[in-house]
Amino acid sequence: MTPEFEIAGNRYRFDRMPAQTETRILRRFAPMIAEAVPLVLAPGPRIALRSNMDVQKVIQTVFRAWGRLSDDDTDMIERASCGSLTREHGGAWVPVWPKGDPEPAFPDIDGATLEHMVGYALGFTVKRWLEGGGEMVPAEIRAVIGKLH
């Protein structure tokens, strides 16, 4: 089933990203992930969440790394994420950010809405990756991801 969500009274659908686009986004986020992993995962041979995770420090680390992304990287992430979304409009599902367009298709999409949509698109992508990992990903991490969307 195609994941759907609502922001500001509008219904959105996540239609997936091309694999190469996912890889390019992951590469841009790799430094952020590298900084956050030791704050989130417990040391040791198995993947497990830290019992004493400092959520404030994790959030600070993520936002600091997000702020270091270049404008070009940010544009690519936003366009690719919103390019994977459609919005229910007039009884049809319309692309949120048509390929090649300089802005989203809907003028009511402001910065906050845009970042929420990016979060959903990236979250659905990560969730699919983790679910695809099956038993390689510990149940506690799958449970946390399952609560995000």
Foldseek 3Di string as FASTA:
>chain_A
DWDWDDDPRWIKTFQDFPPVLLVLLCVLCVVLCVVLLPLFFDDDDATDGDPPRPVVVNVVSNVVSVVPRDPVSVVSLLLRLQQRMFIQDPNDTHRQRPPPDPHGPDPVCDPVNSVVSSVVSVLVVVLVVQVVVPVSHPPVVNVVSVVVD
